[in-house]
Amino acid sequence: MEIFLKILLVVFSVGLITVVLLQKGKSAGLSGAISGGAEHLFGKQKARGLDLFLQRLTIGLAVGFFVLSLVVAYVVKL
């Protein structure tokens, strides 16, 4: 059981890395980093198509990775 969970954790981590690298950059340079946060916060940019799919997949994989990390830590401690 422990080995299966660790393998699943590695699969989630590789998937998360891959999905993040597949996404295109939201801003360019330092000026984009400052103004990009406000645009994202107030919803000026709407993701569509592949960008929306990658964004949702990233959220799903991140939540799965976090939960799986907690489960693996709990199982190992037992």
Protein backbone atom coordinates (compact mmCIF):
# COMPACT_ATOMS: atom_id res chain seq x y z
CA MET A 1 0.00 0.00 0.00
CA GLU A 2 2.77 2.39 0.94
CA ILE A 3 4.72 1.71 -2.26
CA PHE A 4 1.59 2.18 -4.38
CA LEU A 5 0.90 5.57 -2.75
CA LYS A 6 4.50 6.68 -3.29
CA ILE A 7 4.36 5.68 -6.96
CA LEU A 8 1.07 7.55 -7.32
CA LEU A 9 2.67 10.60 -5.67
CA VAL A 10 5.52 10.51 -8.20
CA VAL A 11 3.01 10.24 -11.07
CA PHE A 12 1.09 13.25 -9.72
CA SER A 13 4.28 15.29 -9.30
CA VAL A 14 5.52 14.53 -12.83
CA GLY A 15 2.07 15.32 -14.22
CA LEU A 16 1.94 18.60 -12.31
CA ILE A 17 5.38 19.62 -13.57
CA THR A 18 4.41 18.74 -17.14
CA VAL A 19 1.12 20.64 -17.06
CA VAL A 20 2.75 23.75 -15.58
CA LEU A 21 5.46 23.72 -18.24
CA LEU A 22 2.87 23.34 -21.02
CA GLN A 23 1.08 26.54 -20.01
CA LYS A 24 2.03 29.73 -21.74
CA GLY A 25 3.30 32.72 -19.78
CA LYS A 26 0.70 35.18 -18.54
CA SER A 27 2.99 38.22 -18.42
CA ALA A 28 6.27 39.51 -19.73
CA GLY A 29 8.99 40.88 -17.50
CA LEU A 30 8.72 42.87 -14.30
CA SER A 31 6.01 45.24 -15.53
CA GLY A 32 3.83 42.28 -16.44
CA ALA A 33 4.34 40.76 -13.01
CA ILE A 34 3.06 43.91 -11.33
CA SER A 35 0.09 44.56 -13.57
CA GLY A 36 -0.60 40.89 -14.34
CA GLY A 37 -1.67 40.15 -10.79
CA ALA A 38 -4.30 42.88 -10.84
CA GLU A 39 -5.62 41.74 -14.21
CA HIS A 40 -5.88 38.17 -13.03
CA LEU A 41 -7.52 39.23 -9.77
CA PHE A 42 -10.23 41.30 -11.44
CA GLY A 43 -10.79 38.82 -14.26
CA LYS A 44 -9.79 40.85 -17.31
CA GLN A 45 -8.26 37.80 -18.97
CA LYS A 46 -10.57 34.89 -19.66
CA ALA A 47 -8.99 31.54 -20.40
CA ARG A 48 -10.53 29.54 -23.23
CA GLY A 49 -9.93 26.20 -24.86
CA LEU A 50 -6.64 24.53 -24.07
CA ASP A 51 -5.60 27.24 -21.60
CA LEU A 52 -8.74 26.69 -19.54
CA PHE A 53 -8.25 22.90 -19.62
CA LEU A 54 -4.60 23.20 -18.52
CA GLN A 55 -5.55 25.64 -15.77
CA ARG A 56 -8.20 23.30 -14.36
CA LEU A 57 -5.93 20.28 -14.73
CA THR A 58 -3.21 22.13 -12.81
CA ILE A 59 -5.60 22.87 -9.97
CA GLY A 60 -6.78 19.26 -9.87
CA LEU A 61 -3.26 17.84 -9.89
CA ALA A 62 -2.10 20.31 -7.24
CA VAL A 63 -4.97 19.40 -4.91
CA GLY A 64 -4.36 15.70 -5.54
CA PHE A 65 -0.64 16.09 -4.90
CA PHE A 66 -1.26 17.95 -1.64
CA VAL A 67 -3.79 15.42 -0.34
CA LEU A 68 -1.67 12.48 -1.45
CA SER A 69 1.37 13.98 0.28
CA LEU A 70 -0.56 14.16 3.54
CA VAL A 71 -1.81 10.58 3.14
CA VAL A 72 1.68 9.24 2.39
CA ALA A 73 3.11 11.09 5.39
CA TYR A 74 0.38 9.65 7.61
CA VAL A 75 0.83 6.09 6.30
CA VAL A 76 4.62 6.20 6.66
CA LYS A 77 4.33 7.46 10.23
CA LEU A 78 2.15 4.48 11.18
